[in-house]
Amino acid sequence: MIWVLALTYPAAIAVLFYFAFLRPVQQERARQRQQLADLQIGDEVLTQAGFIAVIKEIRVPEERGPTELVLDLGGLDVRAYASAIAQRLPRVERAIREETVVEQGQR
């Protein structure tokens, strides 16, 4: 009977560890992979380096390899791997930013 308890405690700790630490990380990675797969030309994105850019072109290699993006940094075109994208910015933030720029230009 004691051996059952001796096996139950480590199993319970392993299950708790999975649900407390590993599962949230896996879900976040899956969400980020899905966001990268959903990127489209014209989307505004935030890069890992902190740059806000607009996607101009998406280049998917014929053979296995990383997807390459051409980003517009406000007049400067740069190439980056899709993994360099931290997140896609919501269109609402983009509209607010454009309104702010227009208002500042009118002053």
PDB file of N, CA and C in Angstrom:
ATOM      1  N   MET A   1       0.812  -1.197   0.000  1.00  0.00           N
ATOM      2  CA  MET A   1       0.000   0.000   0.000  1.00  0.00           C
ATOM      3  C   MET A   1       0.855   1.259   0.000  1.00  0.00           C
ATOM      4  N   ILE A   2       1.958   1.218   0.684  1.00  0.00           N
ATOM      5  CA  ILE A   2       2.830   2.386   0.759  1.00  0.00           C
ATOM      6  C   ILE A   2       3.441   2.682  -0.607  1.00  0.00           C
ATOM      7  N   TRP A   3       3.717   1.656  -1.376  1.00  0.00           N
ATOM      8  CA  TRP A   3       4.309   1.879  -2.700  1.00  0.00           C
ATOM      9  C   TRP A   3       3.356   2.627  -3.618  1.00  0.00           C
ATOM     10  N   VAL A   4       2.028   2.480  -3.425  1.00  0.00           N
ATOM     11  CA  VAL A   4       1.037   3.210  -4.225  1.00  0.00           C
ATOM     12  C   VAL A   4       1.153   4.702  -3.930  1.00  0.00           C
ATOM     13  N   LEU A   5       1.260   5.047  -2.656  1.00  0.00           N
ATOM     14  CA  LEU A   5       1.439   6.451  -2.280  1.00  0.00           C
ATOM     15  C   LEU A   5       2.769   6.995  -2.797  1.00  0.00           C
ATOM     16  N   ALA A   6       3.785   6.143  -2.751  1.00  0.00           N
ATOM     17  CA  ALA A   6       5.107   6.570  -3.220  1.00  0.00           C
ATOM     18  C   ALA A   6       5.086   6.877  -4.713  1.00  0.00           C
ATOM     19  N   LEU A   7       4.251   6.222  -5.482  1.00  0.00           N
ATOM     20  CA  LEU A   7       4.130   6.500  -6.917  1.00  0.00           C
ATOM     21  C   LEU A   7       3.124   7.609  -7.216  1.00  0.00           C
ATOM     22  N   THR A   8       2.153   7.795  -6.355  1.00  0.00           N
ATOM     23  CA  THR A   8       1.103   8.784  -6.575  1.00  0.00           C
ATOM     24  C   THR A   8       1.643  10.203  -6.452  1.00  0.00           C
ATOM     25  N   TYR A   9       2.466  10.477  -5.474  1.00  0.00           N
ATOM     26  CA  TYR A   9       2.981  11.825  -5.271  1.00  0.00           C
ATOM     27  C   TYR A   9       3.805  12.331  -6.465  1.00  0.00           C
ATOM     28  N   PRO A  10       4.776  11.595  -6.957  1.00  0.00           N
ATOM     29  CA  PRO A  10       5.519  12.091  -8.130  1.00  0.00           C
ATOM     30  C   PRO A  10       4.627  12.256  -9.373  1.00  0.00           C
ATOM     31  N   ALA A  11       3.653  11.363  -9.527  1.00  0.00           N
ATOM     32  CA  ALA A  11       2.747  11.482 -10.674  1.00  0.00           C
ATOM     33  C   ALA A  11       1.897  12.743 -10.548  1.00  0.00           C
ATOM     34  N   ALA A  12       1.413  13.025  -9.355  1.00  0.00           N
ATOM     35  CA  ALA A  12       0.613  14.235  -9.131  1.00  0.00           C
ATOM     36  C   ALA A  12       1.455  15.485  -9.355  1.00  0.00           C
ATOM     37  N   ILE A  13       2.684  15.471  -8.921  1.00  0.00           N
ATOM     38  CA  ILE A  13       3.571  16.624  -9.134  1.00  0.00           C
ATOM     39  C   ILE A  13       3.847  16.814 -10.622  1.00  0.00           C
ATOM     40  N   ALA A  14       4.049  15.713 -11.351  1.00  0.00           N
ATOM     41  CA  ALA A  14       4.286  15.812 -12.795  1.00  0.00           C
ATOM     42  C   ALA A  14       3.070  16.392 -13.515  1.00  0.00           C
ATOM     43  N   VAL A  15       1.878  15.990 -13.136  1.00  0.00           N
ATOM     44  CA  VAL A  15       0.651  16.512 -13.753  1.00  0.00           C
ATOM     45  C   VAL A  15       0.498  17.994 -13.439  1.00  0.00           C
ATOM     46  N   LEU A  16       0.714  18.385 -12.206  1.00  0.00           N
ATOM     47  CA  LEU A  16       0.630  19.797 -11.838  1.00  0.00           C
ATOM     48  C   LEU A  16       1.672  20.631 -12.585  1.00  0.00           C
ATOM     49  N   PHE A  17       2.878  20.123 -12.703  1.00  0.00           N
ATOM     50  CA  PHE A  17       3.929  20.819 -13.438  1.00  0.00           C
ATOM     51  C   PHE A  17       3.522  21.019 -14.888  1.00  0.00           C
ATOM     52  N   TYR A  18       2.943  19.996 -15.497  1.00  0.00           N
ATOM     53  CA  TYR A  18       2.509  20.099 -16.889  1.00  0.00           C
ATOM     54  C   TYR A  18       1.461  21.203 -17.056  1.00  0.00           C
ATOM     55  N   PHE A  19       0.432  21.187 -16.218  1.00  0.00           N
ATOM     56  CA  PHE A  19      -0.650  22.169 -16.370  1.00  0.00           C
ATOM     57  C   PHE A  19      -0.240  23.567 -15.933  1.00  0.00           C
ATOM     58  N   ALA A  20       0.708  23.690 -15.021  1.00  0.00           N
ATOM     59  CA  ALA A  20       1.123  25.006 -14.540  1.00  0.00           C
ATOM     60  C   ALA A  20       2.181  25.651 -15.432  1.00  0.00           C
ATOM     61  N   PHE A  21       3.055  24.860 -16.049  1.00  0.00           N
ATOM     62  CA  PHE A  21       4.177  25.445 -16.780  1.00  0.00           C
ATOM     63  C   PHE A  21       4.225  25.065 -18.261  1.00  0.00           C
ATOM     64  N   LEU A  22       4.169  23.811 -18.574  1.00  0.00           N
ATOM     65  CA  LEU A  22       4.376  23.373 -19.954  1.00  0.00           C
ATOM     66  C   LEU A  22       3.193  23.678 -20.869  1.00  0.00           C
ATOM     67  N   ARG A  23       1.981  23.419 -20.434  1.00  0.00           N
ATOM     68  CA  ARG A  23       0.812  23.614 -21.297  1.00  0.00           C
ATOM     69  C   ARG A  23       0.627  25.072 -21.712  1.00  0.00           C
ATOM     70  N   PRO A  24       0.742  26.064 -20.807  1.00  0.00           N
ATOM     71  CA  PRO A  24       0.607  27.459 -21.252  1.00  0.00           C
ATOM     72  C   PRO A  24       1.659  27.863 -22.284  1.00  0.00           C
ATOM     73  N   VAL A  25       2.875  27.357 -22.147  1.00  0.00           N
ATOM     74  CA  VAL A  25       3.929  27.664 -23.112  1.00  0.00           C
ATOM     75  C   VAL A  25       3.592  27.065 -24.471  1.00  0.00           C
ATOM     76  N   GLN A  26       3.108  25.829 -24.471  1.00  0.00           N
ATOM     77  CA  GLN A  26       2.728  25.181 -25.725  1.00  0.00           C
ATOM     78  C   GLN A  26       1.578  25.919 -26.398  1.00  0.00           C
ATOM     79  N   GLN A  27       0.603  26.364 -25.628  1.00  0.00           N
ATOM     80  CA  GLN A  27      -0.527  27.099 -26.199  1.00  0.00           C
ATOM     81  C   GLN A  27      -0.077  28.435 -26.788  1.00  0.00           C
ATOM     82  N   GLU A  28       0.823  29.125 -26.113  1.00  0.00           N
ATOM     83  CA  GLU A  28       1.333  30.405 -26.624  1.00  0.00           C
ATOM     84  C   GLU A  28       2.103  30.204 -27.918  1.00  0.00           C
ATOM     85  N   ARG A  29       2.921  29.167 -27.988  1.00  0.00           N
ATOM     86  CA  ARG A  29       3.664  28.875 -29.219  1.00  0.00           C
ATOM     87  C   ARG A  29       2.727  28.545 -30.376  1.00  0.00           C
ATOM     88  N   ALA A  30       1.688  27.773 -30.095  1.00  0.00           N
ATOM     89  CA  ALA A  30       0.715  27.432 -31.136  1.00  0.00           C
ATOM     90  C   ALA A  30      -0.019  28.677 -31.618  1.00  0.00           C
ATOM     91  N   ARG A  31      -0.380  29.562 -30.697  1.00  0.00           N
ATOM     92  CA  ARG A  31      -1.054  30.813 -31.061  1.00  0.00           C
ATOM     93  C   ARG A  31      -0.142  31.678 -31.919  1.00  0.00           C
ATOM     94  N   GLN A  32       1.129  31.775 -31.554  1.00  0.00           N
ATOM     95  CA  GLN A  32       2.068  32.586 -32.326  1.00  0.00           C
ATOM     96  C   GLN A  32       2.300  31.985 -33.713  1.00  0.00           C
ATOM     97  N   ARG A  33       2.413  30.655 -33.815  1.00  0.00           N
ATOM     98  CA  ARG A  33       2.560  30.008 -35.122  1.00  0.00           C
ATOM     99  C   ARG A  33       1.358  30.293 -36.012  1.00  0.00           C
ATOM    100  N   GLN A  34       0.158  30.259 -35.428  1.00  0.00           N
ATOM    101  CA  GLN A  34      -1.054  30.534 -36.189  1.00  0.00           C
ATOM    102  C   GLN A  34      -1.079  31.988 -36.660  1.00  0.00           C
ATOM    103  N   GLN A  35      -0.665  32.910 -35.804  1.00  0.00           N
ATOM    104  CA  GLN A  35      -0.611  34.319 -36.205  1.00  0.00           C
ATOM    105  C   GLN A  35       0.358  34.523 -37.358  1.00  0.00           C
ATOM    106  N   LEU A  36       1.512  33.861 -37.326  1.00  0.00           N
ATOM    107  CA  LEU A  36       2.480  33.987 -38.409  1.00  0.00           C
ATOM    108  C   LEU A  36       1.928  33.394 -39.698  1.00  0.00           C
ATOM    109  N   ALA A  37       1.180  32.311 -39.587  1.00  0.00           N
ATOM    110  CA  ALA A  37       0.601  31.692 -40.778  1.00  0.00           C
ATOM    111  C   ALA A  37      -0.496  32.563 -41.382  1.00  0.00           C
ATOM    112  N   ASP A  38      -1.136  33.394 -40.563  1.00  0.00           N
ATOM    113  CA  ASP A  38      -2.231  34.239 -41.028  1.00  0.00           C
ATOM    114  C   ASP A  38      -1.771  35.602 -41.555  1.00  0.00           C
ATOM    115  N   LEU A  39      -0.471  35.877 -41.559  1.00  0.00           N
ATOM    116  CA  LEU A  39       0.006  37.177 -42.033  1.00  0.00           C
ATOM    117  C   LEU A  39      -0.340  37.375 -43.503  1.00  0.00           C
ATOM    118  N   GLN A  40      -0.707  38.617 -43.844  1.00  0.00           N
ATOM    119  CA  GLN A  40      -1.060  38.959 -45.215  1.00  0.00           C
ATOM    120  C   GLN A  40      -0.357  40.248 -45.606  1.00  0.00           C
ATOM    121  N   ILE A  41      -0.267  40.467 -46.903  1.00  0.00           N
ATOM    122  CA  ILE A  41       0.312  41.711 -47.405  1.00  0.00           C
ATOM    123  C   ILE A  41      -0.568  42.863 -46.934  1.00  0.00           C
ATOM    124  N   GLY A  42       0.069  43.896 -46.422  1.00  0.00           N
ATOM    125  CA  GLY A  42      -0.647  45.067 -45.927  1.00  0.00           C
ATOM    126  C   GLY A  42      -0.839  45.061 -44.422  1.00  0.00           C
ATOM    127  N   ASP A  43      -0.547  43.930 -43.753  1.00  0.00           N
ATOM    128  CA  ASP A  43      -0.672  43.869 -42.298  1.00  0.00           C
ATOM    129  C   ASP A  43       0.438  44.691 -41.653  1.00  0.00           C
ATOM    130  N   GLU A  44       0.106  45.356 -40.571  1.00  0.00           N
ATOM    131  CA  GLU A  44       1.099  46.091 -39.801  1.00  0.00           C
ATOM    132  C   GLU A  44       1.571  45.178 -38.675  1.00  0.00           C
ATOM    133  N   VAL A  45       2.888  45.070 -38.519  1.00  0.00           N
ATOM    134  CA  VAL A  45       3.456  44.132 -37.556  1.00  0.00           C
ATOM    135  C   VAL A  45       4.491  44.825 -36.678  1.00  0.00           C
ATOM    136  N   LEU A  46       4.735  44.219 -35.536  1.00  0.00           N
ATOM    137  CA  LEU A  46       5.786  44.645 -34.626  1.00  0.00           C
ATOM    138  C   LEU A  46       6.875  43.590 -34.680  1.00  0.00           C
ATOM    139  N   THR A  47       8.114  43.988 -34.970  1.00  0.00           N
ATOM    140  CA  THR A  47       9.201  43.017 -35.061  1.00  0.00           C
ATOM    141  C   THR A  47       9.810  42.774 -33.685  1.00  0.00           C
ATOM    142  N   GLN A  48      10.613  41.726 -33.578  1.00  0.00           N
ATOM    143  CA  GLN A  48      11.307  41.420 -32.329  1.00  0.00           C
ATOM    144  C   GLN A  48      12.234  42.565 -31.919  1.00  0.00           C
ATOM    145  N   ALA A  49      12.718  43.337 -32.901  1.00  0.00           N
ATOM    146  CA  ALA A  49      13.618  44.455 -32.616  1.00  0.00           C
ATOM    147  C   ALA A  49      12.862  45.708 -32.194  1.00  0.00           C
ATOM    148  N   GLY A  50      11.526  45.668 -32.262  1.00  0.00           N
ATOM    149  CA  GLY A  50      10.741  46.813 -31.831  1.00  0.00           C
ATOM    150  C   GLY A  50      10.319  47.740 -32.954  1.00  0.00           C
ATOM    151  N   PHE A  51      10.573  47.372 -34.201  1.00  0.00           N
ATOM    152  CA  PHE A  51      10.172  48.193 -35.336  1.00  0.00           C
ATOM    153  C   PHE A  51       8.735  47.895 -35.718  1.00  0.00           C
ATOM    154  N   ILE A  52       7.998  48.941 -36.075  1.00  0.00           N
ATOM    155  CA  ILE A  52       6.648  48.772 -36.602  1.00  0.00           C
ATOM    156  C   ILE A  52       6.764  48.886 -38.113  1.00  0.00           C
ATOM    157  N   ALA A  53       6.259  47.881 -38.824  1.00  0.00           N
ATOM    158  CA  ALA A  53       6.422  47.824 -40.277  1.00  0.00           C
ATOM    159  C   ALA A  53       5.145  47.299 -40.918  1.00  0.00           C
ATOM    160  N   VAL A  54       5.053  47.508 -42.235  1.00  0.00           N
ATOM    161  CA  VAL A  54       3.937  46.997 -43.023  1.00  0.00           C
ATOM    162  C   VAL A  54       4.494  45.940 -43.974  1.00  0.00           C
ATOM    163  N   ILE A  55       3.822  44.809 -44.084  1.00  0.00           N
ATOM    164  CA  ILE A  55       4.280  43.729 -44.956  1.00  0.00           C
ATOM    165  C   ILE A  55       3.992  44.103 -46.409  1.00  0.00           C
ATOM    166  N   LYS A  56       5.041  44.116 -47.223  1.00  0.00           N
ATOM    167  CA  LYS A  56       4.890  44.419 -48.647  1.00  0.00           C
ATOM    168  C   LYS A  56       4.856  43.162 -49.499  1.00  0.00           C
ATOM    169  N   GLU A  57       5.598  42.134 -49.065  1.00  0.00           N
ATOM    170  CA  GLU A  57       5.702  40.912 -49.864  1.00  0.00           C
ATOM    171  C   GLU A  57       6.003  39.737 -48.946  1.00  0.00           C
ATOM    172  N   ILE A  58       5.460  38.584 -49.297  1.00  0.00           N
ATOM    173  CA  ILE A  58       5.725  37.344 -48.555  1.00  0.00           C
ATOM    174  C   ILE A  58       6.330  36.353 -49.530  1.00  0.00           C
ATOM    175  N   ARG A  59       7.530  35.876 -49.217  1.00  0.00           N
ATOM    176  CA  ARG A  59       8.232  34.925 -50.081  1.00  0.00           C
ATOM    177  C   ARG A  59       8.330  33.577 -49.385  1.00  0.00           C
ATOM    178  N   VAL A  60       7.604  32.612 -49.912  1.00  0.00           N
ATOM    179  CA  VAL A  60       7.641  31.258 -49.372  1.00  0.00           C
ATOM    180  C   VAL A  60       8.579  30.442 -50.252  1.00  0.00           C
ATOM    181  N   PRO A  61       9.635  29.855 -49.684  1.00  0.00           N
ATOM    182  CA  PRO A  61      10.587  29.101 -50.509  1.00  0.00           C
ATOM    183  C   PRO A  61       9.955  27.827 -51.070  1.00  0.00           C
ATOM    184  N   GLU A  62      10.415  27.455 -52.262  1.00  0.00           N
ATOM    185  CA  GLU A  62       9.917  26.230 -52.878  1.00  0.00           C
ATOM    186  C   GLU A  62      10.335  25.005 -52.076  1.00  0.00           C
ATOM    187  N   GLU A  63      11.581  25.008 -51.643  1.00  0.00           N
ATOM    188  CA  GLU A  63      12.065  23.928 -50.784  1.00  0.00           C
ATOM    189  C   GLU A  63      11.826  24.319 -49.339  1.00  0.00           C
ATOM    190  N   ARG A  64      12.079  23.390 -48.471  1.00  0.00           N
ATOM    191  CA  ARG A  64      11.892  23.656 -47.052  1.00  0.00           C
ATOM    192  C   ARG A  64      12.851  24.750 -46.591  1.00  0.00           C
ATOM    193  N   GLY A  65      12.324  25.695 -45.861  1.00  0.00           N
ATOM    194  CA  GLY A  65      13.129  26.794 -45.350  1.00  0.00           C
ATOM    195  C   GLY A  65      12.241  27.859 -44.750  1.00  0.00           C
ATOM    196  N   PRO A  66      12.850  28.872 -44.146  1.00  0.00           N
ATOM    197  CA  PRO A  66      12.053  29.904 -43.483  1.00  0.00           C
ATOM    198  C   PRO A  66      11.355  30.833 -44.486  1.00  0.00           C
ATOM    199  N   THR A  67      10.166  31.267 -44.135  1.00  0.00           N
ATOM    200  CA  THR A  67       9.420  32.227 -44.943  1.00  0.00           C
ATOM    201  C   THR A  67      10.069  33.591 -44.775  1.00  0.00           C
ATOM    202  N   GLU A  68      10.253  34.287 -45.879  1.00  0.00           N
ATOM    203  CA  GLU A  68      10.893  35.596 -45.865  1.00  0.00           C
ATOM    204  C   GLU A  68       9.845  36.665 -46.150  1.00  0.00           C
ATOM    205  N   LEU A  69       9.936  37.783 -45.448  1.00  0.00           N
ATOM    206  CA  LEU A  69       9.013  38.892 -45.626  1.00  0.00           C
ATOM    207  C   LEU A  69       9.786  40.121 -46.087  1.00  0.00           C
ATOM    208  N   VAL A  70       9.155  40.934 -46.922  1.00  0.00           N
ATOM    209  CA  VAL A  70       9.693  42.247 -47.256  1.00  0.00           C
ATOM    210  C   VAL A  70       8.830  43.240 -46.494  1.00  0.00           C
ATOM    211  N   LEU A  71       9.476  44.012 -45.611  1.00  0.00           N
ATOM    212  CA  LEU A  71       8.770  44.932 -44.729  1.00  0.00           C
ATOM    213  C   LEU A  71       9.062  46.368 -45.124  1.00  0.00           C
ATOM    214  N   ASP A  72       8.049  47.222 -45.043  1.00  0.00           N
ATOM    215  CA  ASP A  72       8.192  48.651 -45.302  1.00  0.00           C
ATOM    216  C   ASP A  72       8.269  49.354 -43.952  1.00  0.00           C
ATOM    217  N   LEU A  73       9.419  49.966 -43.687  1.00  0.00           N
ATOM    218  CA  LEU A  73       9.628  50.683 -42.434  1.00  0.00           C
ATOM    219  C   LEU A  73       9.447  52.187 -42.638  1.00  0.00           C
ATOM    220  N   GLY A  74       8.472  52.570 -43.422  1.00  0.00           N
ATOM    221  CA  GLY A  74       8.241  53.993 -43.664  1.00  0.00           C
ATOM    222  C   GLY A  74       9.188  54.532 -44.716  1.00  0.00           C
ATOM    223  N   GLY A  75       9.244  53.889 -45.849  1.00  0.00           N
ATOM    224  CA  GLY A  75      10.105  54.323 -46.939  1.00  0.00           C
ATOM    225  C   GLY A  75      11.350  53.476 -47.103  1.00  0.00           C
ATOM    226  N   LEU A  76      11.648  52.656 -46.146  1.00  0.00           N
ATOM    227  CA  LEU A  76      12.817  51.780 -46.199  1.00  0.00           C
ATOM    228  C   LEU A  76      12.333  50.341 -46.242  1.00  0.00           C
ATOM    229  N   ASP A  77      12.683  49.625 -47.303  1.00  0.00           N
ATOM    230  CA  ASP A  77      12.299  48.215 -47.428  1.00  0.00           C
ATOM    231  C   ASP A  77      13.397  47.342 -46.852  1.00  0.00           C
ATOM    232  N   VAL A  78      12.999  46.401 -45.991  1.00  0.00           N
ATOM    233  CA  VAL A  78      13.947  45.454 -45.395  1.00  0.00           C
ATOM    234  C   VAL A  78      13.396  44.052 -45.547  1.00  0.00           C
ATOM    235  N   ARG A  79      14.306  43.075 -45.574  1.00  0.00           N
ATOM    236  CA  ARG A  79      13.925  41.671 -45.618  1.00  0.00           C
ATOM    237  C   ARG A  79      14.081  41.095 -44.223  1.00  0.00           C
ATOM    238  N   ALA A  80      13.159  40.218 -43.856  1.00  0.00           N
ATOM    239  CA  ALA A  80      13.226  39.575 -42.541  1.00  0.00           C
ATOM    240  C   ALA A  80      12.567  38.211 -42.629  1.00  0.00           C
ATOM    241  N   TYR A  81      12.966  37.326 -41.746  1.00  0.00           N
ATOM    242  CA  TYR A  81      12.292  36.045 -41.631  1.00  0.00           C
ATOM    243  C   TYR A  81      10.989  36.245 -40.861  1.00  0.00           C
ATOM    244  N   ALA A  82      10.030  35.389 -41.126  1.00  0.00           N
ATOM    245  CA  ALA A  82       8.742  35.489 -40.442  1.00  0.00           C
ATOM    246  C   ALA A  82       8.900  35.307 -38.932  1.00  0.00           C
ATOM    247  N   SER A  83       9.906  34.582 -38.511  1.00  0.00           N
ATOM    248  CA  SER A  83      10.128  34.377 -37.083  1.00  0.00           C
ATOM    249  C   SER A  83      10.560  35.660 -36.369  1.00  0.00           C
ATOM    250  N   ALA A  84      10.941  36.692 -37.112  1.00  0.00           N
ATOM    251  CA  ALA A  84      11.326  37.967 -36.522  1.00  0.00           C
ATOM    252  C   ALA A  84      10.118  38.814 -36.151  1.00  0.00           C
ATOM    253  N   ILE A  85       8.921  38.352 -36.487  1.00  0.00           N
ATOM    254  CA  ILE A  85       7.703  39.094 -36.182  1.00  0.00           C
ATOM    255  C   ILE A  85       7.242  38.724 -34.778  1.00  0.00           C
ATOM    256  N   ALA A  86       7.100  39.722 -33.924  1.00  0.00           N
ATOM    257  CA  ALA A  86       6.629  39.484 -32.557  1.00  0.00           C
ATOM    258  C   ALA A  86       5.112  39.374 -32.528  1.00  0.00           C
ATOM    259  N   GLN A  87       4.431  40.277 -33.247  1.00  0.00           N
ATOM    260  CA  GLN A  87       2.972  40.226 -33.283  1.00  0.00           C
ATOM    261  C   GLN A  87       2.430  41.072 -34.422  1.00  0.00           C
ATOM    262  N   ARG A  88       1.219  40.743 -34.820  1.00  0.00           N
ATOM    263  CA  ARG A  88       0.513  41.557 -35.811  1.00  0.00           C
ATOM    264  C   ARG A  88      -0.288  42.578 -35.033  1.00  0.00           C
ATOM    265  N   LEU A  89      -0.171  43.846 -35.431  1.00  0.00           N
ATOM    266  CA  LEU A  89      -0.885  44.902 -34.734  1.00  0.00           C
ATOM    267  C   LEU A  89      -2.332  44.944 -35.200  1.00  0.00           C
ATOM    268  N   PRO A  90      -3.235  45.157 -34.276  1.00  0.00           N
ATOM    269  CA  PRO A  90      -4.648  45.252 -34.654  1.00  0.00           C
ATOM    270  C   PRO A  90      -4.901  46.449 -35.561  1.00  0.00           C
ATOM    271  N   ARG A  91      -5.845  46.326 -36.431  1.00  0.00           N
ATOM    272  CA  ARG A  91      -6.168  47.409 -37.366  1.00  0.00           C
ATOM    273  C   ARG A  91      -6.692  48.640 -36.648  1.00  0.00           C
ATOM    274  N   VAL A  92      -7.279  48.484 -35.467  1.00  0.00           N
ATOM    275  CA  VAL A  92      -7.791  49.621 -34.709  1.00  0.00           C
ATOM    276  C   VAL A  92      -6.639  50.540 -34.313  1.00  0.00           C
ATOM    277  N   GLU A  93      -5.539  49.962 -33.809  1.00  0.00           N
ATOM    278  CA  GLU A  93      -4.380  50.769 -33.436  1.00  0.00           C
ATOM    279  C   GLU A  93      -3.829  51.508 -34.641  1.00  0.00           C
ATOM    280  N   ARG A  94      -3.828  50.870 -35.784  1.00  0.00           N
ATOM    281  CA  ARG A  94      -3.322  51.494 -36.997  1.00  0.00           C
ATOM    282  C   ARG A  94      -4.179  52.700 -37.377  1.00  0.00           C
ATOM    283  N   ALA A  95      -5.506  52.570 -37.290  1.00  0.00           N
ATOM    284  CA  ALA A  95      -6.405  53.668 -37.625  1.00  0.00           C
ATOM    285  C   ALA A  95      -6.220  54.831 -36.656  1.00  0.00           C
ATOM    286  N   ILE A  96      -6.060  54.540 -35.376  1.00  0.00           N
ATOM    287  CA  ILE A  96      -5.842  55.598 -34.382  1.00  0.00           C
ATOM    288  C   ILE A  96      -4.524  56.303 -34.650  1.00  0.00           C
ATOM    289  N   ARG A  97      -3.469  55.551 -34.988  1.00  0.00           N
ATOM    290  CA  ARG A  97      -2.173  56.153 -35.261  1.00  0.00           C
ATOM    291  C   ARG A  97      -2.249  57.052 -36.492  1.00  0.00           C
ATOM    292  N   GLU A  98      -2.965  56.605 -37.527  1.00  0.00           N
ATOM    293  CA  GLU A  98      -3.101  57.422 -38.734  1.00  0.00           C
ATOM    294  C   GLU A  98      -3.879  58.702 -38.454  1.00  0.00           C
ATOM    295  N   GLU A  99      -4.936  58.629 -37.620  1.00  0.00           N
ATOM    296  CA  GLU A  99      -5.686  59.820 -37.249  1.00  0.00           C
ATOM    297  C   GLU A  99      -4.808  60.793 -36.484  1.00  0.00           C
ATOM    298  N   THR A 100      -3.955  60.284 -35.591  1.00  0.00           N
ATOM    299  CA  THR A 100      -3.057  61.134 -34.819  1.00  0.00           C
ATOM    300  C   THR A 100      -2.079  61.847 -35.734  1.00  0.00           C
ATOM    301  N   VAL A 101      -1.553  61.148 -36.725  1.00  0.00           N
ATOM    302  CA  VAL A 101      -0.612  61.751 -37.665  1.00  0.00           C
ATOM    303  C   VAL A 101      -1.299  62.848 -38.458  1.00  0.00           C
ATOM    304  N   VAL A 102      -2.531  62.617 -38.890  1.00  0.00           N
ATOM    305  CA  VAL A 102      -3.283  63.610 -39.649  1.00  0.00           C
ATOM    306  C   VAL A 102      -3.541  64.837 -38.796  1.00  0.00           C
ATOM    307  N   GLU A 103      -3.950  64.628 -37.531  1.00  0.00           N
ATOM    308  CA  GLU A 103      -4.211  65.746 -36.633  1.00  0.00           C
ATOM    309  C   GLU A 103      -2.942  66.551 -36.371  1.00  0.00           C
ATOM    310  N   GLN A 104      -1.816  65.906 -36.204  1.00  0.00           N
ATOM    311  CA  GLN A 104      -0.564  66.612 -35.968  1.00  0.00           C
ATOM    312  C   GLN A 104      -0.141  67.395 -37.205  1.00  0.00           C
ATOM    313  N   GLY A 105      -0.458  66.879 -38.381  1.00  0.00           N
ATOM    314  CA  GLY A 105      -0.113  67.576 -39.613  1.00  0.00           C
ATOM    315  C   GLY A 105      -0.960  68.814 -39.839  1.00  0.00           C
ATOM    316  N   GLN A 106      -2.172  68.862 -39.247  1.00  0.00           N
ATOM    317  CA  GLN A 106      -3.051  70.000 -39.413  1.00  0.00           C
ATOM    318  C   GLN A 106      -2.684  71.146 -38.500  1.00  0.00           C
ATOM    319  N   ARG A 107      -1.911  70.894 -37.487  1.00  0.00           N
ATOM    320  CA  ARG A 107      -1.537  71.952 -36.528  1.00  0.00           C
ATOM    321  C   ARG A 107      -0.506  72.869 -37.072  1.00  0.00           C
TER     322      ARG A 107
END
